[in-house]
Amino acid sequence: MFGMDVATLAVFMMFSIPLVAVIGGLGLVALKIMRGGRDSSRDLEDTRLIQEMHRQLQKMEERVGALETILLDKERKDRS
């Protein structure tokens, strides 16, 4: 097949597949740069919102943990 043995074909594919992926990634980065910075501000705002949601969910988790502790302590006292 095209004068290549299996080992040569395997080496060729081993290097060509990641090369195609890297070139594709660079192409996507180039497109994002060409589109301008208007998406970067939107991305920054999205990141802030996600971080705030994460902080609020952590606070809620702490509150639920505290309520569970209070209820379990009350239940233990009632059993005693």
N, C-alpha and C. Protein backbone atom coordinates (compact mmCIF):
# COMPACT_ATOMS: atom_id res chain seq x y z
N MET A 1 0.84 -1.18 0.00
CA MET A 1 0.00 0.00 0.00
C MET A 1 0.89 1.24 0.00
N PHE A 2 0.98 1.90 -1.10
CA PHE A 2 1.77 3.11 -1.29
C PHE A 2 3.24 2.92 -0.94
N GLY A 3 3.74 1.70 -0.90
CA GLY A 3 5.14 1.45 -0.64
C GLY A 3 5.55 1.61 0.82
N MET A 4 4.57 1.69 1.76
CA MET A 4 4.90 1.83 3.18
C MET A 4 4.61 0.52 3.89
N ASP A 5 5.52 0.18 4.79
CA ASP A 5 5.22 -0.98 5.62
C ASP A 5 4.38 -0.53 6.82
N VAL A 6 3.95 -1.47 7.62
CA VAL A 6 3.05 -1.18 8.74
C VAL A 6 3.71 -0.27 9.77
N ALA A 7 4.98 -0.48 10.05
CA ALA A 7 5.68 0.33 11.05
C ALA A 7 5.78 1.78 10.60
N THR A 8 6.10 1.99 9.35
CA THR A 8 6.20 3.36 8.82
C THR A 8 4.84 4.05 8.86
N LEU A 9 3.81 3.32 8.49
CA LEU A 9 2.46 3.88 8.53
C LEU A 9 2.05 4.22 9.96
N ALA A 10 2.40 3.36 10.92
CA ALA A 10 2.06 3.61 12.32
C ALA A 10 2.78 4.86 12.82
N VAL A 11 4.05 5.01 12.49
CA VAL A 11 4.80 6.20 12.92
C VAL A 11 4.23 7.44 12.26
N PHE A 12 3.91 7.34 10.99
CA PHE A 12 3.32 8.48 10.27
C PHE A 12 2.01 8.92 10.94
N MET A 13 1.15 7.96 11.25
CA MET A 13 -0.14 8.29 11.88
C MET A 13 0.06 8.80 13.30
N MET A 14 1.06 8.27 14.01
CA MET A 14 1.31 8.68 15.39
C MET A 14 1.67 10.17 15.44
N PHE A 15 2.37 10.66 14.43
CA PHE A 15 2.74 12.06 14.40
C PHE A 15 1.72 12.94 13.68
N SER A 16 1.01 12.40 12.72
CA SER A 16 0.10 13.23 11.94
C SER A 16 -1.20 13.53 12.68
N ILE A 17 -1.71 12.59 13.46
CA ILE A 17 -2.98 12.84 14.16
C ILE A 17 -2.84 13.96 15.19
N PRO A 18 -1.83 13.95 16.09
CA PRO A 18 -1.68 15.09 17.00
C PRO A 18 -1.38 16.39 16.26
N LEU A 19 -0.66 16.29 15.15
CA LEU A 19 -0.35 17.50 14.37
C LEU A 19 -1.62 18.14 13.83
N VAL A 20 -2.54 17.34 13.34
CA VAL A 20 -3.82 17.85 12.86
C VAL A 20 -4.60 18.49 14.01
N ALA A 21 -4.57 17.87 15.18
CA ALA A 21 -5.27 18.42 16.34
C ALA A 21 -4.67 19.77 16.75
N VAL A 22 -3.36 19.86 16.76
CA VAL A 22 -2.70 21.13 17.13
C VAL A 22 -3.01 22.21 16.11
N ILE A 23 -2.95 21.88 14.84
CA ILE A 23 -3.25 22.87 13.81
C ILE A 23 -4.71 23.33 13.91
N GLY A 24 -5.61 22.39 14.17
CA GLY A 24 -7.02 22.76 14.35
C GLY A 24 -7.22 23.68 15.55
N GLY A 25 -6.54 23.36 16.66
CA GLY A 25 -6.62 24.22 17.85
C GLY A 25 -6.09 25.61 17.58
N LEU A 26 -4.97 25.69 16.88
CA LEU A 26 -4.42 27.00 16.53
C LEU A 26 -5.37 27.77 15.62
N GLY A 27 -6.04 27.06 14.73
CA GLY A 27 -7.02 27.72 13.86
C GLY A 27 -8.18 28.30 14.66
N LEU A 28 -8.65 27.54 15.66
CA LEU A 28 -9.74 28.05 16.50
C LEU A 28 -9.30 29.26 17.31
N VAL A 29 -8.09 29.23 17.83
CA VAL A 29 -7.57 30.38 18.57
C VAL A 29 -7.45 31.59 17.65
N ALA A 30 -6.98 31.37 16.43
CA ALA A 30 -6.87 32.47 15.46
C ALA A 30 -8.23 33.07 15.15
N LEU A 31 -9.25 32.23 14.99
CA LEU A 31 -10.60 32.75 14.75
C LEU A 31 -11.11 33.57 15.92
N LYS A 32 -10.84 33.10 17.13
CA LYS A 32 -11.30 33.84 18.30
C LYS A 32 -10.61 35.19 18.40
N ILE A 33 -9.33 35.23 18.08
CA ILE A 33 -8.59 36.50 18.10
C ILE A 33 -9.12 37.44 17.03
N MET A 34 -9.41 36.91 15.85
CA MET A 34 -9.90 37.74 14.76
C MET A 34 -11.29 38.30 15.05
N ARG A 35 -12.11 37.56 15.81
CA ARG A 35 -13.46 38.04 16.11
C ARG A 35 -13.44 39.22 17.05
N GLY A 36 -12.37 39.42 17.77
CA GLY A 36 -12.24 40.59 18.62
C GLY A 36 -12.45 40.27 20.08
N GLY A 37 -12.35 41.33 20.90
CA GLY A 37 -12.40 41.16 22.34
C GLY A 37 -13.78 41.21 22.95
N ARG A 38 -14.82 41.35 22.17
CA ARG A 38 -16.15 41.49 22.75
C ARG A 38 -16.60 40.21 23.46
N ASP A 39 -16.14 39.06 23.01
CA ASP A 39 -16.49 37.82 23.67
C ASP A 39 -15.72 37.63 24.97
N SER A 40 -14.53 38.22 25.05
CA SER A 40 -13.73 38.05 26.26
C SER A 40 -14.41 38.72 27.45
N SER A 41 -15.08 39.85 27.24
CA SER A 41 -15.78 40.49 28.35
C SER A 41 -16.98 39.65 28.77
N ARG A 42 -17.63 39.02 27.83
CA ARG A 42 -18.75 38.14 28.14
C ARG A 42 -18.26 36.90 28.88
N ASP A 43 -17.12 36.38 28.45
CA ASP A 43 -16.53 35.23 29.14
C ASP A 43 -16.14 35.59 30.57
N LEU A 44 -15.61 36.79 30.76
CA LEU A 44 -15.23 37.24 32.09
C LEU A 44 -16.45 37.36 33.00
N GLU A 45 -17.52 37.89 32.48
CA GLU A 45 -18.76 38.02 33.26
C GLU A 45 -19.33 36.65 33.58
N ASP A 46 -19.30 35.73 32.62
CA ASP A 46 -19.77 34.36 32.88
C ASP A 46 -18.94 33.71 33.97
N THR A 47 -17.64 33.92 33.93
CA THR A 47 -16.75 33.36 34.95
C THR A 47 -17.09 33.91 36.32
N ARG A 48 -17.34 35.21 36.40
CA ARG A 48 -17.71 35.83 37.68
C ARG A 48 -19.01 35.26 38.22
N LEU A 49 -19.99 35.09 37.33
CA LEU A 49 -21.27 34.53 37.76
C LEU A 49 -21.13 33.10 38.26
N ILE A 50 -20.34 32.31 37.57
CA ILE A 50 -20.14 30.93 37.99
C ILE A 50 -19.41 30.88 39.32
N GLN A 51 -18.43 31.74 39.52
CA GLN A 51 -17.72 31.78 40.80
C GLN A 51 -18.65 32.19 41.93
N GLU A 52 -19.50 33.17 41.68
CA GLU A 52 -20.46 33.60 42.71
C GLU A 52 -21.45 32.48 43.04
N MET A 53 -21.92 31.78 42.01
CA MET A 53 -22.83 30.65 42.26
C MET A 53 -22.12 29.58 43.08
N HIS A 54 -20.87 29.33 42.80
CA HIS A 54 -20.12 28.34 43.55
C HIS A 54 -19.98 28.74 45.01
N ARG A 55 -19.67 30.02 45.26
CA ARG A 55 -19.56 30.51 46.65
C ARG A 55 -20.90 30.37 47.38
N GLN A 56 -21.98 30.73 46.72
CA GLN A 56 -23.29 30.63 47.34
C GLN A 56 -23.66 29.18 47.63
N LEU A 57 -23.33 28.28 46.73
CA LEU A 57 -23.61 26.87 46.96
C LEU A 57 -22.77 26.31 48.11
N GLN A 58 -21.54 26.80 48.26
CA GLN A 58 -20.72 26.37 49.39
C GLN A 58 -21.33 26.84 50.71
N LYS A 59 -21.82 28.09 50.73
CA LYS A 59 -22.48 28.60 51.93
C LYS A 59 -23.72 27.77 52.26
N MET A 60 -24.50 27.45 51.22
CA MET A 60 -25.70 26.65 51.43
C MET A 60 -25.34 25.27 51.98
N GLU A 61 -24.27 24.70 51.47
CA GLU A 61 -23.82 23.38 51.96
C GLU A 61 -23.45 23.46 53.44
N GLU A 62 -22.78 24.53 53.84
CA GLU A 62 -22.44 24.72 55.25
C GLU A 62 -23.70 24.85 56.10
N ARG A 63 -24.67 25.60 55.62
CA ARG A 63 -25.92 25.77 56.37
C ARG A 63 -26.66 24.45 56.53
N VAL A 64 -26.74 23.69 55.45
CA VAL A 64 -27.42 22.39 55.51
C VAL A 64 -26.69 21.48 56.49
N GLY A 65 -25.36 21.51 56.46
CA GLY A 65 -24.59 20.71 57.40
C GLY A 65 -24.88 21.11 58.84
N ALA A 66 -24.98 22.41 59.08
CA ALA A 66 -25.29 22.89 60.44
C ALA A 66 -26.69 22.45 60.85
N LEU A 67 -27.66 22.55 59.95
CA LEU A 67 -29.02 22.12 60.26
C LEU A 67 -29.08 20.62 60.53
N GLU A 68 -28.35 19.84 59.77
CA GLU A 68 -28.31 18.39 60.00
C GLU A 68 -27.76 18.10 61.40
N THR A 69 -26.71 18.82 61.77
CA THR A 69 -26.11 18.62 63.09
C THR A 69 -27.11 18.98 64.18
N ILE A 70 -27.81 20.09 64.03
CA ILE A 70 -28.80 20.50 65.02
C ILE A 70 -29.91 19.46 65.14
N LEU A 71 -30.42 18.99 64.01
CA LEU A 71 -31.51 18.00 64.03
C LEU A 71 -31.05 16.68 64.63
N LEU A 72 -29.84 16.24 64.29
CA LEU A 72 -29.34 14.99 64.85
C LEU A 72 -29.11 15.11 66.35
N ASP A 73 -28.59 16.26 66.80
CA ASP A 73 -28.40 16.47 68.24
C ASP A 73 -29.74 16.46 68.97
N LYS A 74 -30.75 17.11 68.38
CA LYS A 74 -32.07 17.14 68.99
C LYS A 74 -32.66 15.74 69.06
N GLU A 75 -32.48 14.97 67.99
CA GLU A 75 -33.00 13.61 67.94
C GLU A 75 -32.31 12.73 69.00
N ARG A 76 -31.02 12.91 69.19
CA ARG A 76 -30.30 12.13 70.22
C ARG A 76 -30.79 12.49 71.61
N LYS A 77 -31.04 13.78 71.85
CA LYS A 77 -31.54 14.20 73.17
C LYS A 77 -32.92 13.64 73.45
N ASP A 78 -33.77 13.60 72.40
CA ASP A 78 -35.12 13.08 72.57
C ASP A 78 -35.09 11.58 72.88
N ARG A 79 -34.15 10.86 72.33
CA ARG A 79 -34.03 9.41 72.58
C ARG A 79 -33.51 9.13 73.98
N SER A 80 -32.73 10.04 74.53
CA SER A 80 -32.13 9.80 75.85
C SER A 80 -33.10 9.96 76.98
